[in-house]
Amino acid sequence: MKIVVLTDGPYGDRAYDNVKKDFSADFIKMEAPNSMFFDDDIEIPKEQVDIIENANIIISYISHPDLGLDIVYKFAEKVDWIIIASWKGNGLKNQYESKTNVSCPYIMCELEKNGNPIYDEFVRKIGRPKVDLILEEGKIKDVKVIRSSPCGSTSFVSEYIAEKYKDKVPDEENLPREAGLRIQHYPCRAGKMRLFTDEECKKQKASQFHQEAFQKALSNFNI
């Protein structure tokens, strides 16, 4: 499977670094038009077109609305799925999602299966956090990341929990809460990729997802 991460700004590099651990991936930084709105057709260099057309999934961190829409209109019929990681306002979101294989998640660490086989194969590894606790005689030996948030924060949290609770009996109440709180120390960029959104709300979502991941992992054991 080939994943192509597109950006016209400072976002997308961490997702690329994380995605390429499990999938063949390319990272393309594109030139956005100088003005916010640009009526003429946007020319994309042929070498970039060739890479994008060979993708199974495009993850777009394009912030310029015309360039973002141009990507969707040019490539939606050539790839299996497009995930719009950066979008501004429900009007633009509706335009993106007028294509049936395009989705605009509220936050990238909420990705879960949607029934498309290629997309579902991708979110087996990348999306809503999922972890497994490795226990011996009731004590934590390690934490295994089953599915990571695209930015890599799941590994950041898991490494912290594995170190702090190593060789200890996990606290069913405090451990998940601590995992959720730890995400606040990871430099989450989610809110900064939107206009008119609450950055703290997105951080709270990410925190909630990680807390739930550890709660679910603990539920597999009789603590």
C-alpha atoms as a PDB file:
ATOM      1  CA  MET A   1       0.000   0.000   0.000  1.00  0.00           C
ATOM      2  CA  LYS A   2       1.263   3.476  -0.900  1.00  0.00           C
ATOM      3  CA  ILE A   3       0.464   6.513   1.250  1.00  0.00           C
ATOM      4  CA  VAL A   4       1.228  10.041   0.063  1.00  0.00           C
ATOM      5  CA  VAL A   5       1.231  12.903   2.564  1.00  0.00           C
ATOM      6  CA  LEU A   6       0.759  16.370   1.041  1.00  0.00           C
ATOM      7  CA  THR A   7       1.383  19.734   2.651  1.00  0.00           C
ATOM      8  CA  ASP A   8       1.787  23.379   1.713  1.00  0.00           C
ATOM      9  CA  GLY A   9       2.898  24.478   5.158  1.00  0.00           C
ATOM     10  CA  PRO A  10       4.332  23.296   8.485  1.00  0.00           C
ATOM     11  CA  TYR A  11       2.066  20.279   9.039  1.00  0.00           C
ATOM     12  CA  GLY A  12       2.214  16.662   7.934  1.00  0.00           C
ATOM     13  CA  ASP A  13       5.847  15.816   8.618  1.00  0.00           C
ATOM     14  CA  ARG A  14       5.132  13.961  11.866  1.00  0.00           C
ATOM     15  CA  ALA A  15       2.323  11.983  10.254  1.00  0.00           C
ATOM     16  CA  TYR A  16       4.676  11.023   7.428  1.00  0.00           C
ATOM     17  CA  ASP A  17       7.401   9.938   9.871  1.00  0.00           C
ATOM     18  CA  ASN A  18       4.892   7.771  11.722  1.00  0.00           C
ATOM     19  CA  VAL A  19       3.055   6.339   8.706  1.00  0.00           C
ATOM     20  CA  LYS A  20       6.242   5.256   6.949  1.00  0.00           C
ATOM     21  CA  LYS A  21       7.011   2.873   9.835  1.00  0.00           C
ATOM     22  CA  ASP A  22       4.187   0.621   8.623  1.00  0.00           C
ATOM     23  CA  PHE A  23       3.557   1.614   5.000  1.00  0.00           C
ATOM     24  CA  SER A  24       5.371   2.709   1.889  1.00  0.00           C
ATOM     25  CA  ALA A  25       5.019   6.504   2.002  1.00  0.00           C
ATOM     26  CA  ASP A  26       5.996   9.709   0.232  1.00  0.00           C
ATOM     27  CA  PHE A  27       5.980  13.265   1.542  1.00  0.00           C
ATOM     28  CA  ILE A  28       5.365  16.132  -0.885  1.00  0.00           C
ATOM     29  CA  LYS A  29       5.574  19.813  -0.009  1.00  0.00           C
ATOM     30  CA  MET A  30       3.597  21.777  -2.587  1.00  0.00           C
ATOM     31  CA  GLU A  31       3.655  25.436  -3.576  1.00  0.00           C
ATOM     32  CA  ALA A  32       0.379  27.153  -2.750  1.00  0.00           C
ATOM     33  CA  PRO A  33      -0.898  30.141  -4.772  1.00  0.00           C
ATOM     34  CA  ASN A  34       0.119  33.506  -3.366  1.00  0.00           C
ATOM     35  CA  SER A  35      -3.460  34.652  -2.732  1.00  0.00           C
ATOM     36  CA  MET A  36      -5.955  32.826  -0.527  1.00  0.00           C
ATOM     37  CA  PHE A  37      -8.353  32.358  -3.448  1.00  0.00           C
ATOM     38  CA  PHE A  38      -7.148  31.639  -6.967  1.00  0.00           C
ATOM     39  CA  ASP A  39      -9.568  31.102  -9.844  1.00  0.00           C
ATOM     40  CA  ASP A  40      -7.230  29.682 -12.492  1.00  0.00           C
ATOM     41  CA  ASP A  41      -6.324  26.014 -12.716  1.00  0.00           C
ATOM     42  CA  ILE A  42      -3.374  25.244 -10.451  1.00  0.00           C
ATOM     43  CA  GLU A  43      -0.476  23.565 -12.201  1.00  0.00           C
ATOM     44  CA  ILE A  44       1.107  20.704 -10.291  1.00  0.00           C
ATOM     45  CA  PRO A  45       4.587  19.542 -11.410  1.00  0.00           C
ATOM     46  CA  LYS A  46       4.471  16.287 -13.365  1.00  0.00           C
ATOM     47  CA  GLU A  47       6.841  14.489 -11.007  1.00  0.00           C
ATOM     48  CA  GLN A  48       4.458  15.239  -8.144  1.00  0.00           C
ATOM     49  CA  VAL A  49       1.433  14.187 -10.211  1.00  0.00           C
ATOM     50  CA  ASP A  50       3.078  10.838 -10.971  1.00  0.00           C
ATOM     51  CA  ILE A  51       3.688  10.145  -7.280  1.00  0.00           C
ATOM     52  CA  ILE A  52       0.199  11.221  -6.216  1.00  0.00           C
ATOM     53  CA  GLU A  53      -1.561   9.187  -8.908  1.00  0.00           C
ATOM     54  CA  ASN A  54       0.206   6.040  -7.715  1.00  0.00           C
ATOM     55  CA  ALA A  55      -1.074   6.455  -4.156  1.00  0.00           C
ATOM     56  CA  ASN A  56      -3.694   4.283  -2.534  1.00  0.00           C
ATOM     57  CA  ILE A  57      -4.381   6.912   0.123  1.00  0.00           C
ATOM     58  CA  ILE A  58      -3.657  10.639   0.115  1.00  0.00           C
ATOM     59  CA  ILE A  59      -3.427  12.449   3.443  1.00  0.00           C
ATOM     60  CA  SER A  60      -3.763  16.161   2.734  1.00  0.00           C
ATOM     61  CA  TYR A  61      -2.460  18.812   5.094  1.00  0.00           C
ATOM     62  CA  ILE A  62      -3.003  21.438   2.385  1.00  0.00           C
ATOM     63  CA  SER A  63      -4.317  24.617   3.999  1.00  0.00           C
ATOM     64  CA  HIS A  64      -4.881  26.727   0.864  1.00  0.00           C
ATOM     65  CA  PRO A  65      -8.541  26.114  -0.103  1.00  0.00           C
ATOM     66  CA  ASP A  66      -8.100  26.217  -3.883  1.00  0.00           C
ATOM     67  CA  LEU A  67      -5.064  23.965  -3.855  1.00  0.00           C
ATOM     68  CA  GLY A  68      -6.829  21.591  -1.473  1.00  0.00           C
ATOM     69  CA  LEU A  69      -9.908  21.392  -3.699  1.00  0.00           C
ATOM     70  CA  ASP A  70      -7.746  21.035  -6.803  1.00  0.00           C
ATOM     71  CA  ILE A  71      -6.067  17.983  -5.242  1.00  0.00           C
ATOM     72  CA  VAL A  72      -9.450  16.406  -4.512  1.00  0.00           C
ATOM     73  CA  TYR A  73     -10.943  17.123  -7.953  1.00  0.00           C
ATOM     74  CA  LYS A  74      -7.819  15.963  -9.812  1.00  0.00           C
ATOM     75  CA  PHE A  75      -7.084  12.783  -7.879  1.00  0.00           C
ATOM     76  CA  ALA A  76     -10.224  11.476  -6.147  1.00  0.00           C
ATOM     77  CA  GLU A  77     -10.989   9.172  -9.071  1.00  0.00           C
ATOM     78  CA  LYS A  78      -7.392   7.954  -9.294  1.00  0.00           C
ATOM     79  CA  VAL A  79      -6.833   6.862  -5.681  1.00  0.00           C
ATOM     80  CA  ASP A  80      -8.705   4.702  -3.195  1.00  0.00           C
ATOM     81  CA  TRP A  81      -9.184   7.325  -0.498  1.00  0.00           C
ATOM     82  CA  ILE A  82      -8.324  10.908   0.455  1.00  0.00           C
ATOM     83  CA  ILE A  83      -8.145  12.003   4.091  1.00  0.00           C
ATOM     84  CA  ILE A  84      -8.325  15.765   4.554  1.00  0.00           C
ATOM     85  CA  ALA A  85      -6.353  16.433   7.720  1.00  0.00           C
ATOM     86  CA  SER A  86      -6.529  20.237   7.401  1.00  0.00           C
ATOM     87  CA  TRP A  87      -9.782  21.995   6.497  1.00  0.00           C
ATOM     88  CA  LYS A  88     -11.370  25.333   7.314  1.00  0.00           C
ATOM     89  CA  GLY A  89     -15.109  25.550   7.835  1.00  0.00           C
ATOM     90  CA  ASN A  90     -18.073  23.304   7.074  1.00  0.00           C
ATOM     91  CA  GLY A  91     -18.609  24.808   3.618  1.00  0.00           C
ATOM     92  CA  LEU A  92     -15.207  23.646   2.445  1.00  0.00           C
ATOM     93  CA  LYS A  93     -15.666  20.329   4.242  1.00  0.00           C
ATOM     94  CA  ASN A  94     -18.893  19.750   2.299  1.00  0.00           C
ATOM     95  CA  GLN A  95     -17.129  20.457  -0.981  1.00  0.00           C
ATOM     96  CA  TYR A  96     -14.393  17.977  -0.148  1.00  0.00           C
ATOM     97  CA  GLU A  97     -16.842  15.295   0.917  1.00  0.00           C
ATOM     98  CA  SER A  98     -18.929  15.676  -2.233  1.00  0.00           C
ATOM     99  CA  LYS A  99     -16.525  12.982  -3.447  1.00  0.00           C
ATOM    100  CA  THR A 100     -17.551   9.666  -1.920  1.00  0.00           C
ATOM    101  CA  ASN A 101     -13.978   8.585  -1.172  1.00  0.00           C
ATOM    102  CA  VAL A 102     -12.994  11.752   0.690  1.00  0.00           C
ATOM    103  CA  SER A 103     -13.334  12.266   4.451  1.00  0.00           C
ATOM    104  CA  CYS A 104     -12.596  15.214   6.730  1.00  0.00           C
ATOM    105  CA  PRO A 105     -12.081  13.943  10.291  1.00  0.00           C
ATOM    106  CA  TYR A 106     -12.585  16.388  13.142  1.00  0.00           C
ATOM    107  CA  ILE A 107      -9.311  15.145  14.592  1.00  0.00           C
ATOM    108  CA  MET A 108      -6.877  12.713  13.002  1.00  0.00           C
ATOM    109  CA  CYS A 109      -6.685  10.392  15.999  1.00  0.00           C
ATOM    110  CA  GLU A 110     -10.364   9.472  15.593  1.00  0.00           C
ATOM    111  CA  LEU A 111      -9.852   7.410  12.402  1.00  0.00           C
ATOM    112  CA  GLU A 112     -11.612   4.018  12.458  1.00  0.00           C
ATOM    113  CA  LYS A 113     -12.831   1.505   9.886  1.00  0.00           C
ATOM    114  CA  ASN A 114     -15.450   2.701   7.409  1.00  0.00           C
ATOM    115  CA  GLY A 115     -15.976  -0.366   5.212  1.00  0.00           C
ATOM    116  CA  ASN A 116     -13.576   0.573   2.403  1.00  0.00           C
ATOM    117  CA  PRO A 117     -10.990  -2.272   2.356  1.00  0.00           C
ATOM    118  CA  ILE A 118      -7.972  -0.064   1.564  1.00  0.00           C
ATOM    119  CA  TYR A 119      -8.925   2.555   4.129  1.00  0.00           C
ATOM    120  CA  ASP A 120      -9.649  -0.148   6.701  1.00  0.00           C
ATOM    121  CA  GLU A 121      -6.247  -1.727   6.109  1.00  0.00           C
ATOM    122  CA  PHE A 122      -4.643   1.656   6.770  1.00  0.00           C
ATOM    123  CA  VAL A 123      -6.558   2.316   9.999  1.00  0.00           C
ATOM    124  CA  ARG A 124      -5.567  -1.068  11.384  1.00  0.00           C
ATOM    125  CA  LYS A 125      -2.253   0.646  12.136  1.00  0.00           C
ATOM    126  CA  ILE A 126      -2.988   4.390  12.078  1.00  0.00           C
ATOM    127  CA  GLY A 127      -5.917   6.178  13.706  1.00  0.00           C
ATOM    128  CA  ARG A 128      -7.772   5.937  16.994  1.00  0.00           C
ATOM    129  CA  PRO A 129      -5.246   4.777  19.620  1.00  0.00           C
ATOM    130  CA  LYS A 130      -5.200   1.116  20.583  1.00  0.00           C
ATOM    131  CA  VAL A 131      -2.668  -0.435  22.946  1.00  0.00           C
ATOM    132  CA  ASP A 132      -1.934  -3.782  24.552  1.00  0.00           C
ATOM    133  CA  LEU A 133      -0.467  -4.202  28.020  1.00  0.00           C
ATOM    134  CA  ILE A 134       2.096  -6.967  28.431  1.00  0.00           C
ATOM    135  CA  LEU A 135       1.728  -8.387  31.949  1.00  0.00           C
ATOM    136  CA  GLU A 136       3.677 -11.074  33.784  1.00  0.00           C
ATOM    137  CA  GLU A 137       2.338 -12.294  37.116  1.00  0.00           C
ATOM    138  CA  GLY A 138      -0.011  -9.319  37.178  1.00  0.00           C
ATOM    139  CA  LYS A 139       2.751  -6.750  36.698  1.00  0.00           C
ATOM    140  CA  ILE A 140       3.407  -4.571  33.662  1.00  0.00           C
ATOM    141  CA  LYS A 141       6.393  -5.563  31.559  1.00  0.00           C
ATOM    142  CA  ASP A 142       5.710  -3.441  28.489  1.00  0.00           C
ATOM    143  CA  VAL A 143       3.106  -1.528  26.467  1.00  0.00           C
ATOM    144  CA  LYS A 144       2.605  -2.429  22.815  1.00  0.00           C
ATOM    145  CA  VAL A 145       1.100   0.076  20.386  1.00  0.00           C
ATOM    146  CA  ILE A 146      -1.433  -1.718  18.175  1.00  0.00           C
ATOM    147  CA  ARG A 147      -2.766   1.391  16.433  1.00  0.00           C
ATOM    148  CA  SER A 148      -1.072   4.761  16.682  1.00  0.00           C
ATOM    149  CA  SER A 149      -2.448   8.242  16.285  1.00  0.00           C
ATOM    150  CA  PRO A 150      -0.970   9.661  13.050  1.00  0.00           C
ATOM    151  CA  CYS A 151       1.219  12.165  14.889  1.00  0.00           C
ATOM    152  CA  GLY A 152       2.943   9.517  17.012  1.00  0.00           C
ATOM    153  CA  SER A 153       1.561  10.649  20.374  1.00  0.00           C
ATOM    154  CA  THR A 154       0.421   7.103  21.207  1.00  0.00           C
ATOM    155  CA  SER A 155       4.027   5.912  21.325  1.00  0.00           C
ATOM    156  CA  PHE A 156       4.930   8.966  23.429  1.00  0.00           C
ATOM    157  CA  VAL A 157       2.256   8.071  25.999  1.00  0.00           C
ATOM    158  CA  SER A 158       2.941   4.317  25.883  1.00  0.00           C
ATOM    159  CA  GLU A 159       6.657   4.742  26.529  1.00  0.00           C
ATOM    160  CA  TYR A 160       5.887   6.897  29.554  1.00  0.00           C
ATOM    161  CA  ILE A 161       3.384   4.401  31.000  1.00  0.00           C
ATOM    162  CA  ALA A 162       5.704   1.443  30.308  1.00  0.00           C
ATOM    163  CA  GLU A 163       8.559   3.124  32.155  1.00  0.00           C
ATOM    164  CA  LYS A 164       6.547   4.450  35.090  1.00  0.00           C
ATOM    165  CA  TYR A 165       4.594   1.248  35.737  1.00  0.00           C
ATOM    166  CA  LYS A 166       7.267  -1.294  34.826  1.00  0.00           C
ATOM    167  CA  ASP A 167       7.151  -4.267  37.225  1.00  0.00           C
ATOM    168  CA  LYS A 168       4.168  -2.743  39.035  1.00  0.00           C
ATOM    169  CA  VAL A 169       0.573  -3.901  39.327  1.00  0.00           C
ATOM    170  CA  PRO A 170      -1.399  -1.473  37.154  1.00  0.00           C
ATOM    171  CA  ASP A 171      -3.840   0.833  38.893  1.00  0.00           C
ATOM    172  CA  GLU A 172      -7.107   0.336  37.007  1.00  0.00           C
ATOM    173  CA  GLU A 173      -8.361   3.814  37.841  1.00  0.00           C
ATOM    174  CA  ASN A 174      -5.273   6.001  37.807  1.00  0.00           C
ATOM    175  CA  LEU A 175      -3.274   4.492  34.945  1.00  0.00           C
ATOM    176  CA  PRO A 176      -5.764   5.355  32.156  1.00  0.00           C
ATOM    177  CA  ARG A 177      -6.260   8.823  33.603  1.00  0.00           C
ATOM    178  CA  GLU A 178      -2.505   9.336  33.702  1.00  0.00           C
ATOM    179  CA  ALA A 179      -2.229   8.237  30.058  1.00  0.00           C
ATOM    180  CA  GLY A 180      -4.846  10.812  29.119  1.00  0.00           C
ATOM    181  CA  LEU A 181      -3.088  13.549  31.048  1.00  0.00           C
ATOM    182  CA  ARG A 182       0.289  12.657  29.543  1.00  0.00           C
ATOM    183  CA  ILE A 183      -0.965  13.544  26.064  1.00  0.00           C
ATOM    184  CA  GLN A 184      -1.119  17.176  27.227  1.00  0.00           C
ATOM    185  CA  HIS A 185       2.696  17.147  27.250  1.00  0.00           C
ATOM    186  CA  TYR A 186       2.854  16.142  23.591  1.00  0.00           C
ATOM    187  CA  PRO A 187       2.892  19.168  21.251  1.00  0.00           C
ATOM    188  CA  CYS A 188      -0.444  18.428  19.546  1.00  0.00           C
ATOM    189  CA  ARG A 189      -0.994  20.601  16.469  1.00  0.00           C
ATOM    190  CA  ALA A 190      -4.601  19.594  15.765  1.00  0.00           C
ATOM    191  CA  GLY A 191      -6.266  22.858  16.749  1.00  0.00           C
ATOM    192  CA  LYS A 192      -3.756  24.920  14.793  1.00  0.00           C
ATOM    193  CA  MET A 193      -4.782  23.215  11.533  1.00  0.00           C
ATOM    194  CA  ARG A 194      -8.280  24.741  11.642  1.00  0.00           C
ATOM    195  CA  LEU A 195      -9.787  28.193  11.730  1.00  0.00           C
ATOM    196  CA  PHE A 196     -12.644  28.917  14.143  1.00  0.00           C
ATOM    197  CA  THR A 197     -12.062  25.815  16.260  1.00  0.00           C
ATOM    198  CA  ASP A 198     -11.204  25.240  19.883  1.00  0.00           C
ATOM    199  CA  GLU A 199      -7.642  23.931  20.144  1.00  0.00           C
ATOM    200  CA  GLU A 200      -8.148  22.875  23.758  1.00  0.00           C
ATOM    201  CA  CYS A 201     -11.236  20.881  22.760  1.00  0.00           C
ATOM    202  CA  LYS A 202      -9.137  18.893  20.289  1.00  0.00           C
ATOM    203  CA  LYS A 203      -6.486  18.222  22.918  1.00  0.00           C
ATOM    204  CA  GLN A 204      -9.212  16.999  25.243  1.00  0.00           C
ATOM    205  CA  LYS A 205     -10.434  14.659  22.510  1.00  0.00           C
ATOM    206  CA  ALA A 206      -6.946  13.258  22.025  1.00  0.00           C
ATOM    207  CA  SER A 207      -6.624  12.853  25.792  1.00  0.00           C
ATOM    208  CA  GLN A 208      -9.974  11.045  25.960  1.00  0.00           C
ATOM    209  CA  PHE A 209      -9.048   8.655  23.158  1.00  0.00           C
ATOM    210  CA  HIS A 210      -5.795   7.672  24.874  1.00  0.00           C
ATOM    211  CA  GLN A 211      -7.435   7.267  28.241  1.00  0.00           C
ATOM    212  CA  GLU A 212     -10.062   4.992  26.684  1.00  0.00           C
ATOM    213  CA  ALA A 213      -7.357   2.975  24.905  1.00  0.00           C
ATOM    214  CA  PHE A 214      -5.672   2.136  28.213  1.00  0.00           C
ATOM    215  CA  GLN A 215      -8.994   1.460  29.932  1.00  0.00           C
ATOM    216  CA  LYS A 216      -9.834  -1.044  27.218  1.00  0.00           C
ATOM    217  CA  ALA A 217      -6.404  -2.663  27.472  1.00  0.00           C
ATOM    218  CA  LEU A 218      -6.840  -3.072  31.224  1.00  0.00           C
ATOM    219  CA  SER A 219     -10.297  -4.567  30.784  1.00  0.00           C
ATOM    220  CA  ASN A 220      -8.653  -7.654  29.258  1.00  0.00           C
ATOM    221  CA  PHE A 221      -7.254  -8.513  32.670  1.00  0.00           C
ATOM    222  CA  ASN A 222      -8.739  -9.209  36.062  1.00  0.00           C
ATOM    223  CA  ILE A 223      -6.834  -6.573  37.980  1.00  0.00           C
END
